[in-house]
Amino acid sequence: MKPILQALLLADNIYRDTKTGKHVIAGTFNKMLLVKDGAKPKAVESDGKQKQVIPAGVQAGSPYVYVSLTEIRGEVNCVLRYVNLDEGRALFQFCFSVKCDNPLETVEVVLPMPMLPHVEGVHAIELLCNDELIGSHRIILEGIKEGGDGDKS
């Protein structure tokens, strides 16, 4: 029987409360805006004054992945991979294993990720357990073009 994926989240930070043991997941996301080379500030009027608006974007650092699994029987080999769905190829992946003798328990795993490659398109964090895909988390990387209005969120 394969494990059941209860949660797969990508976040800026994940902390563990030492008193309760609970995970605190901060800054979950599924979209990143990238300022493309050549993006220039745009002049706008606000309160009767001209102001420069710099195109917004995200320069993500190294995010974390939170995984919650149940129905684990013994040791399970897992692969977490970051896939460019437009090209159908993994940009990076790494292996880890989880072990639990009670299938009723929940196993939580927090994994630090490398900086995500800044490649426009649709991507996914995919989780495979014993060579079987059990879930994914889609991420859209969208570029702000030159003269962009910076209003995208």
N, C-alpha and C. Protein backbone atom coordinates (compact mmCIF):
# COMPACT_ATOMS: atom_id res chain seq x y z
N MET A 1 0.85 -1.19 0.00
CA MET A 1 0.00 0.00 0.00
C MET A 1 0.89 1.24 0.00
N LYS A 2 0.54 2.24 -0.80
CA LYS A 2 1.36 3.45 -0.88
C LYS A 2 0.96 4.44 0.21
N PRO A 3 1.91 5.31 0.61
CA PRO A 3 1.59 6.34 1.60
C PRO A 3 0.54 7.30 1.06
N ILE A 4 -0.18 7.94 1.96
CA ILE A 4 -1.16 8.96 1.60
C ILE A 4 -0.56 10.32 1.89
N LEU A 5 -0.53 11.17 0.87
CA LEU A 5 -0.02 12.53 1.02
C LEU A 5 -1.13 13.41 1.57
N GLN A 6 -0.90 13.97 2.76
CA GLN A 6 -1.88 14.85 3.39
C GLN A 6 -1.62 16.31 3.07
N ALA A 7 -0.33 16.68 2.86
CA ALA A 7 0.00 18.07 2.55
C ALA A 7 1.36 18.11 1.86
N LEU A 8 1.46 19.02 0.88
CA LEU A 8 2.72 19.31 0.20
C LEU A 8 2.71 20.81 -0.06
N LEU A 9 3.51 21.55 0.71
CA LEU A 9 3.49 23.01 0.64
C LEU A 9 4.89 23.55 0.40
N LEU A 10 4.96 24.65 -0.32
CA LEU A 10 6.19 25.38 -0.55
C LEU A 10 6.06 26.70 0.20
N ALA A 11 7.06 27.03 1.03
CA ALA A 11 6.95 28.22 1.88
C ALA A 11 8.30 28.91 2.03
N ASP A 12 8.22 30.20 2.36
CA ASP A 12 9.43 30.98 2.61
C ASP A 12 10.16 30.47 3.85
N ASN A 13 9.40 30.15 4.90
CA ASN A 13 9.99 29.70 6.16
C ASN A 13 9.09 28.67 6.83
N ILE A 14 9.71 27.73 7.51
CA ILE A 14 8.98 26.76 8.32
C ILE A 14 9.72 26.62 9.63
N TYR A 15 8.99 26.85 10.71
CA TYR A 15 9.57 26.78 12.05
C TYR A 15 8.87 25.67 12.81
N ARG A 16 9.52 25.22 13.87
CA ARG A 16 8.89 24.24 14.76
C ARG A 16 8.83 24.82 16.15
N ASP A 17 7.63 24.92 16.69
CA ASP A 17 7.43 25.42 18.04
C ASP A 17 7.98 24.38 19.01
N THR A 18 8.92 24.79 19.84
CA THR A 18 9.58 23.83 20.73
C THR A 18 8.66 23.32 21.85
N LYS A 19 7.70 24.13 22.25
CA LYS A 19 6.80 23.70 23.34
C LYS A 19 5.75 22.71 22.85
N THR A 20 5.13 22.99 21.70
CA THR A 20 4.04 22.14 21.22
C THR A 20 4.47 21.13 20.17
N GLY A 21 5.61 21.36 19.52
CA GLY A 21 6.04 20.48 18.44
C GLY A 21 5.35 20.78 17.12
N LYS A 22 4.48 21.79 17.11
CA LYS A 22 3.76 22.14 15.88
C LYS A 22 4.66 22.86 14.90
N HIS A 23 4.41 22.64 13.61
CA HIS A 23 5.11 23.38 12.56
C HIS A 23 4.38 24.68 12.28
N VAL A 24 5.13 25.74 12.14
CA VAL A 24 4.58 27.05 11.77
C VAL A 24 5.08 27.31 10.36
N ILE A 25 4.15 27.38 9.43
CA ILE A 25 4.47 27.51 8.01
C ILE A 25 4.14 28.93 7.58
N ALA A 26 5.17 29.68 7.18
CA ALA A 26 4.99 31.10 6.86
C ALA A 26 5.34 31.38 5.41
N GLY A 27 4.45 32.08 4.74
CA GLY A 27 4.72 32.53 3.37
C GLY A 27 4.57 31.45 2.33
N THR A 28 3.46 30.72 2.37
CA THR A 28 3.24 29.72 1.32
C THR A 28 3.02 30.44 -0.01
N PHE A 29 3.45 29.80 -1.08
CA PHE A 29 3.25 30.42 -2.39
C PHE A 29 3.16 29.37 -3.49
N ASN A 30 2.57 29.80 -4.61
CA ASN A 30 2.50 28.96 -5.80
C ASN A 30 2.75 29.78 -7.07
N LYS A 31 3.17 31.03 -6.88
CA LYS A 31 3.46 31.90 -8.02
C LYS A 31 4.60 32.83 -7.66
N MET A 32 5.49 33.04 -8.62
CA MET A 32 6.59 33.98 -8.43
C MET A 32 6.62 34.91 -9.64
N LEU A 33 6.83 36.19 -9.37
CA LEU A 33 6.98 37.17 -10.43
C LEU A 33 8.46 37.49 -10.55
N LEU A 34 8.95 37.48 -11.76
CA LEU A 34 10.37 37.72 -12.01
C LEU A 34 10.53 39.00 -12.79
N VAL A 35 11.38 39.89 -12.33
CA VAL A 35 11.67 41.11 -13.07
C VAL A 35 12.67 40.73 -14.15
N LYS A 36 12.25 40.89 -15.40
CA LYS A 36 13.13 40.55 -16.52
C LYS A 36 14.12 41.68 -16.74
N ASP A 37 15.26 41.34 -17.31
CA ASP A 37 16.25 42.35 -17.67
C ASP A 37 15.57 43.38 -18.56
N GLY A 38 15.85 44.63 -18.29
CA GLY A 38 15.28 45.70 -19.10
C GLY A 38 13.98 46.26 -18.55
N ALA A 39 13.42 45.65 -17.49
CA ALA A 39 12.20 46.20 -16.91
C ALA A 39 12.55 47.55 -16.29
N LYS A 40 11.79 48.58 -16.65
CA LYS A 40 12.11 49.93 -16.21
C LYS A 40 11.00 50.50 -15.33
N PRO A 41 11.36 51.45 -14.46
CA PRO A 41 10.33 52.10 -13.65
C PRO A 41 9.32 52.82 -14.55
N LYS A 42 8.10 52.95 -14.04
CA LYS A 42 7.03 53.61 -14.78
C LYS A 42 6.59 54.83 -13.98
N ALA A 43 6.39 55.96 -14.66
CA ALA A 43 5.93 57.17 -14.00
C ALA A 43 4.41 57.10 -13.84
N VAL A 44 3.94 57.36 -12.62
CA VAL A 44 2.50 57.41 -12.34
C VAL A 44 2.21 58.64 -11.51
N GLU A 45 0.96 59.07 -11.56
CA GLU A 45 0.57 60.22 -10.76
C GLU A 45 -0.17 59.73 -9.53
N SER A 46 0.23 60.24 -8.37
CA SER A 46 -0.39 59.88 -7.11
C SER A 46 -0.45 61.13 -6.24
N ASP A 47 -1.63 61.47 -5.76
CA ASP A 47 -1.82 62.67 -4.94
C ASP A 47 -1.31 63.92 -5.64
N GLY A 48 -1.51 63.97 -6.96
CA GLY A 48 -1.10 65.14 -7.73
C GLY A 48 0.39 65.23 -7.98
N LYS A 49 1.15 64.19 -7.64
CA LYS A 49 2.60 64.20 -7.84
C LYS A 49 3.01 63.04 -8.73
N GLN A 50 4.05 63.25 -9.52
CA GLN A 50 4.62 62.18 -10.34
C GLN A 50 5.53 61.32 -9.47
N LYS A 51 5.32 60.02 -9.53
CA LYS A 51 6.16 59.09 -8.77
C LYS A 51 6.61 57.97 -9.70
N GLN A 52 7.76 57.40 -9.38
CA GLN A 52 8.29 56.28 -10.14
C GLN A 52 7.89 54.98 -9.45
N VAL A 53 7.28 54.07 -10.20
CA VAL A 53 6.92 52.76 -9.68
C VAL A 53 7.91 51.76 -10.26
N ILE A 54 8.62 51.10 -9.39
CA ILE A 54 9.59 50.08 -9.82
C ILE A 54 8.83 48.77 -9.95
N PRO A 55 9.00 48.07 -11.09
CA PRO A 55 8.29 46.80 -11.26
C PRO A 55 8.58 45.85 -10.11
N ALA A 56 7.54 45.28 -9.57
CA ALA A 56 7.69 44.37 -8.44
C ALA A 56 8.08 43.00 -8.95
N GLY A 57 8.68 42.25 -8.10
CA GLY A 57 9.04 40.88 -8.44
C GLY A 57 9.55 40.19 -7.21
N VAL A 58 9.76 38.93 -7.34
CA VAL A 58 10.21 38.16 -6.20
C VAL A 58 11.59 37.60 -6.51
N GLN A 59 12.52 37.89 -5.66
CA GLN A 59 13.82 37.26 -5.73
C GLN A 59 13.82 36.26 -4.58
N ALA A 60 13.24 35.12 -4.85
CA ALA A 60 13.08 34.13 -3.79
C ALA A 60 14.43 33.61 -3.35
N GLY A 61 14.54 33.42 -2.06
CA GLY A 61 15.73 32.80 -1.53
C GLY A 61 15.57 31.30 -1.62
N SER A 62 16.00 30.63 -0.61
CA SER A 62 15.86 29.18 -0.58
C SER A 62 14.62 28.82 0.23
N PRO A 63 13.57 28.38 -0.45
CA PRO A 63 12.34 28.05 0.27
C PRO A 63 12.44 26.68 0.94
N TYR A 64 11.39 26.32 1.62
CA TYR A 64 11.27 25.03 2.29
C TYR A 64 10.05 24.30 1.75
N VAL A 65 10.09 22.98 1.80
CA VAL A 65 8.94 22.15 1.46
C VAL A 65 8.49 21.43 2.72
N TYR A 66 7.18 21.45 2.93
CA TYR A 66 6.57 20.72 4.05
C TYR A 66 5.80 19.56 3.45
N VAL A 67 6.06 18.36 3.98
CA VAL A 67 5.39 17.15 3.52
C VAL A 67 4.75 16.47 4.73
N SER A 68 3.48 16.10 4.59
CA SER A 68 2.79 15.35 5.63
C SER A 68 2.26 14.06 5.01
N LEU A 69 2.69 12.93 5.58
CA LEU A 69 2.33 11.61 5.04
C LEU A 69 1.72 10.74 6.12
N THR A 70 0.84 9.85 5.72
CA THR A 70 0.31 8.83 6.62
C THR A 70 0.24 7.51 5.85
N GLU A 71 -0.15 6.46 6.52
CA GLU A 71 -0.21 5.11 5.92
C GLU A 71 1.18 4.61 5.51
N ILE A 72 2.17 4.97 6.31
CA ILE A 72 3.53 4.50 6.05
C ILE A 72 3.72 3.19 6.81
N ARG A 73 4.20 2.20 6.09
CA ARG A 73 4.43 0.88 6.67
C ARG A 73 5.89 0.53 6.46
N GLY A 74 6.69 0.73 7.51
CA GLY A 74 8.12 0.46 7.40
C GLY A 74 8.84 1.65 6.81
N GLU A 75 9.86 1.38 6.00
CA GLU A 75 10.65 2.45 5.39
C GLU A 75 10.20 2.68 3.96
N VAL A 76 10.06 3.97 3.60
CA VAL A 76 9.62 4.35 2.26
C VAL A 76 10.68 5.27 1.66
N ASN A 77 11.12 4.95 0.46
CA ASN A 77 12.08 5.79 -0.26
C ASN A 77 11.32 6.82 -1.07
N CYS A 78 11.71 8.09 -0.92
CA CYS A 78 11.00 9.19 -1.58
C CYS A 78 11.96 10.01 -2.45
N VAL A 79 11.40 10.64 -3.46
CA VAL A 79 12.12 11.56 -4.31
C VAL A 79 11.28 12.83 -4.40
N LEU A 80 11.92 13.96 -4.14
CA LEU A 80 11.27 15.25 -4.32
C LEU A 80 11.97 15.90 -5.51
N ARG A 81 11.19 16.25 -6.52
CA ARG A 81 11.81 16.85 -7.70
C ARG A 81 11.08 18.12 -8.13
N TYR A 82 11.85 19.01 -8.73
CA TYR A 82 11.34 20.28 -9.25
C TYR A 82 11.34 20.14 -10.76
N VAL A 83 10.14 20.14 -11.34
CA VAL A 83 9.96 19.81 -12.74
C VAL A 83 9.44 21.01 -13.52
N ASN A 84 10.05 21.28 -14.67
CA ASN A 84 9.52 22.26 -15.61
C ASN A 84 8.48 21.52 -16.44
N LEU A 85 7.20 21.86 -16.22
CA LEU A 85 6.12 21.14 -16.88
C LEU A 85 6.01 21.48 -18.36
N ASP A 86 6.49 22.69 -18.76
CA ASP A 86 6.46 23.06 -20.17
C ASP A 86 7.38 22.16 -20.99
N GLU A 87 8.53 21.79 -20.40
CA GLU A 87 9.51 20.97 -21.10
C GLU A 87 9.47 19.50 -20.67
N GLY A 88 8.76 19.23 -19.58
CA GLY A 88 8.66 17.86 -19.09
C GLY A 88 9.97 17.30 -18.56
N ARG A 89 10.78 18.17 -17.91
CA ARG A 89 12.05 17.68 -17.39
C ARG A 89 12.29 18.20 -15.97
N ALA A 90 12.97 17.38 -15.20
CA ALA A 90 13.31 17.76 -13.83
C ALA A 90 14.52 18.69 -13.85
N LEU A 91 14.40 19.83 -13.16
CA LEU A 91 15.52 20.77 -13.05
C LEU A 91 16.44 20.38 -11.90
N PHE A 92 15.88 19.76 -10.87
CA PHE A 92 16.69 19.15 -9.82
C PHE A 92 15.81 18.19 -9.03
N GLN A 93 16.46 17.31 -8.30
CA GLN A 93 15.74 16.37 -7.44
C GLN A 93 16.66 15.88 -6.35
N PHE A 94 16.07 15.41 -5.27
CA PHE A 94 16.86 14.77 -4.23
C PHE A 94 16.03 13.69 -3.55
N CYS A 95 16.74 12.74 -2.96
CA CYS A 95 16.12 11.57 -2.35
C CYS A 95 16.17 11.68 -0.83
N PHE A 96 15.18 11.10 -0.20
CA PHE A 96 15.15 10.97 1.25
C PHE A 96 14.27 9.77 1.58
N SER A 97 14.32 9.33 2.79
CA SER A 97 13.46 8.22 3.19
C SER A 97 12.76 8.56 4.50
N VAL A 98 11.61 7.95 4.70
CA VAL A 98 10.86 8.10 5.94
C VAL A 98 10.57 6.69 6.46
N LYS A 99 10.47 6.60 7.78
CA LYS A 99 10.21 5.30 8.39
C LYS A 99 9.18 5.46 9.48
N CYS A 100 8.23 4.56 9.49
CA CYS A 100 7.20 4.55 10.54
C CYS A 100 6.61 3.14 10.59
N ASP A 101 6.45 2.63 11.79
CA ASP A 101 5.90 1.28 11.95
C ASP A 101 4.40 1.28 12.20
N ASN A 102 3.82 2.46 12.43
CA ASN A 102 2.38 2.55 12.68
C ASN A 102 1.73 3.34 11.55
N PRO A 103 0.96 2.68 10.68
CA PRO A 103 0.34 3.37 9.54
C PRO A 103 -0.69 4.42 9.94
N LEU A 104 -1.10 4.44 11.19
CA LEU A 104 -2.07 5.44 11.65
C LEU A 104 -1.41 6.77 12.01
N GLU A 105 -0.09 6.74 12.22
CA GLU A 105 0.63 7.96 12.57
C GLU A 105 0.85 8.84 11.35
N THR A 106 1.04 10.13 11.62
CA THR A 106 1.38 11.09 10.58
C THR A 106 2.86 11.42 10.70
N VAL A 107 3.54 11.38 9.57
CA VAL A 107 4.96 11.72 9.52
C VAL A 107 5.08 13.05 8.79
N GLU A 108 5.73 14.02 9.47
CA GLU A 108 5.94 15.34 8.88
C GLU A 108 7.42 15.51 8.56
N VAL A 109 7.69 16.02 7.38
CA VAL A 109 9.06 16.23 6.93
C VAL A 109 9.19 17.66 6.43
N VAL A 110 10.24 18.35 6.86
CA VAL A 110 10.55 19.69 6.37
C VAL A 110 11.89 19.60 5.64
N LEU A 111 11.87 20.02 4.39
CA LEU A 111 13.07 19.91 3.56
C LEU A 111 13.50 21.29 3.06
N PRO A 112 14.73 21.69 3.33
CA PRO A 112 15.23 22.94 2.75
C PRO A 112 15.50 22.71 1.27
N MET A 113 15.08 23.66 0.45
CA MET A 113 15.28 23.57 -0.99
C MET A 113 16.41 24.49 -1.42
N PRO A 114 17.04 24.19 -2.54
CA PRO A 114 17.97 25.17 -3.09
C PRO A 114 17.15 26.32 -3.69
N MET A 115 17.80 27.40 -4.06
CA MET A 115 17.11 28.49 -4.71
C MET A 115 16.46 27.94 -5.98
N LEU A 116 15.20 28.27 -6.20
CA LEU A 116 14.49 27.77 -7.37
C LEU A 116 15.03 28.44 -8.63
N PRO A 117 15.28 27.68 -9.69
CA PRO A 117 15.76 28.27 -10.93
C PRO A 117 14.76 29.29 -11.47
N HIS A 118 15.27 30.40 -11.94
CA HIS A 118 14.42 31.47 -12.47
C HIS A 118 14.16 31.25 -13.95
N VAL A 119 13.29 30.30 -14.23
CA VAL A 119 12.92 29.94 -15.59
C VAL A 119 11.41 30.16 -15.70
N GLU A 120 11.02 31.07 -16.59
CA GLU A 120 9.58 31.32 -16.75
C GLU A 120 8.86 30.05 -17.16
N GLY A 121 7.60 29.96 -16.74
CA GLY A 121 6.78 28.82 -17.14
C GLY A 121 6.08 28.19 -15.96
N VAL A 122 5.53 27.03 -16.23
CA VAL A 122 4.79 26.29 -15.21
C VAL A 122 5.68 25.15 -14.72
N HIS A 123 5.83 25.08 -13.41
CA HIS A 123 6.69 24.09 -12.76
C HIS A 123 5.88 23.35 -11.70
N ALA A 124 6.47 22.31 -11.14
CA ALA A 124 5.81 21.59 -10.05
C ALA A 124 6.87 20.99 -9.15
N ILE A 125 6.56 20.99 -7.86
CA ILE A 125 7.28 20.18 -6.90
C ILE A 125 6.53 18.86 -6.89
N GLU A 126 7.20 17.76 -7.23
CA GLU A 126 6.55 16.46 -7.28
C GLU A 126 7.15 15.55 -6.22
N LEU A 127 6.27 14.77 -5.58
CA LEU A 127 6.73 13.82 -4.57
C LEU A 127 6.43 12.41 -5.06
N LEU A 128 7.49 11.62 -5.15
CA LEU A 128 7.37 10.21 -5.50
C LEU A 128 7.75 9.38 -4.29
N CYS A 129 6.96 8.34 -4.02
CA CYS A 129 7.28 7.41 -2.95
C CYS A 129 7.34 6.02 -3.57
N ASN A 130 8.45 5.32 -3.34
CA ASN A 130 8.69 4.01 -3.95
C ASN A 130 8.43 4.05 -5.46
N ASP A 131 8.97 5.09 -6.10
CA ASP A 131 8.92 5.30 -7.56
C ASP A 131 7.52 5.56 -8.10
N GLU A 132 6.57 5.95 -7.25
CA GLU A 132 5.22 6.27 -7.69
C GLU A 132 4.87 7.71 -7.30
N LEU A 133 4.40 8.49 -8.26
CA LEU A 133 4.00 9.87 -7.99
C LEU A 133 2.79 9.86 -7.07
N ILE A 134 2.90 10.53 -5.92
CA ILE A 134 1.76 10.57 -5.01
C ILE A 134 1.17 11.97 -4.85
N GLY A 135 1.85 12.98 -5.39
CA GLY A 135 1.29 14.33 -5.32
C GLY A 135 2.24 15.37 -5.87
N SER A 136 1.69 16.57 -6.11
CA SER A 136 2.51 17.66 -6.63
C SER A 136 1.95 19.01 -6.19
N HIS A 137 2.77 20.02 -6.31
CA HIS A 137 2.41 21.39 -5.98
C HIS A 137 2.87 22.26 -7.15
N ARG A 138 1.94 22.86 -7.87
CA ARG A 138 2.26 23.64 -9.07
C ARG A 138 2.76 25.03 -8.70
N ILE A 139 3.75 25.51 -9.46
CA ILE A 139 4.33 26.84 -9.27
C ILE A 139 4.42 27.51 -10.64
N ILE A 140 3.93 28.74 -10.71
CA ILE A 140 4.01 29.50 -11.96
C ILE A 140 5.04 30.60 -11.78
N LEU A 141 6.00 30.65 -12.69
CA LEU A 141 6.99 31.73 -12.71
C LEU A 141 6.67 32.60 -13.91
N GLU A 142 6.36 33.85 -13.61
CA GLU A 142 5.90 34.77 -14.64
C GLU A 142 6.80 36.00 -14.65
N GLY A 143 7.28 36.38 -15.83
CA GLY A 143 8.15 37.54 -15.95
C GLY A 143 7.35 38.81 -16.11
N ILE A 144 7.88 39.88 -15.50
CA ILE A 144 7.31 41.21 -15.71
C ILE A 144 8.11 41.82 -16.84
N LYS A 145 7.42 42.14 -17.91
CA LYS A 145 8.10 42.64 -19.09
C LYS A 145 8.43 44.12 -18.97
N GLU A 146 9.30 44.59 -19.85
CA GLU A 146 9.69 46.00 -19.87
C GLU A 146 8.45 46.84 -19.96
N GLY A 147 8.39 47.88 -19.12
CA GLY A 147 7.22 48.75 -19.11
C GLY A 147 6.07 48.15 -18.34
N GLY A 148 6.33 47.01 -17.64
CA GLY A 148 5.28 46.37 -16.84
C GLY A 148 4.77 47.32 -15.78
N ASP A 149 3.52 47.13 -15.40
CA ASP A 149 2.91 48.08 -14.46
C ASP A 149 3.14 47.72 -13.01
N GLY A 150 3.70 46.56 -12.74
CA GLY A 150 4.00 46.21 -11.35
C GLY A 150 2.77 45.90 -10.52
N ASP A 151 1.60 45.78 -11.18
CA ASP A 151 0.36 45.53 -10.45
C ASP A 151 0.06 44.05 -10.26
N LYS A 152 0.86 43.17 -10.84
CA LYS A 152 0.59 41.75 -10.71
C LYS A 152 0.91 41.30 -9.31
N SER A 153 0.14 40.34 -8.82
CA SER A 153 0.39 39.83 -7.47
C SER A 153 0.47 38.34 -7.49
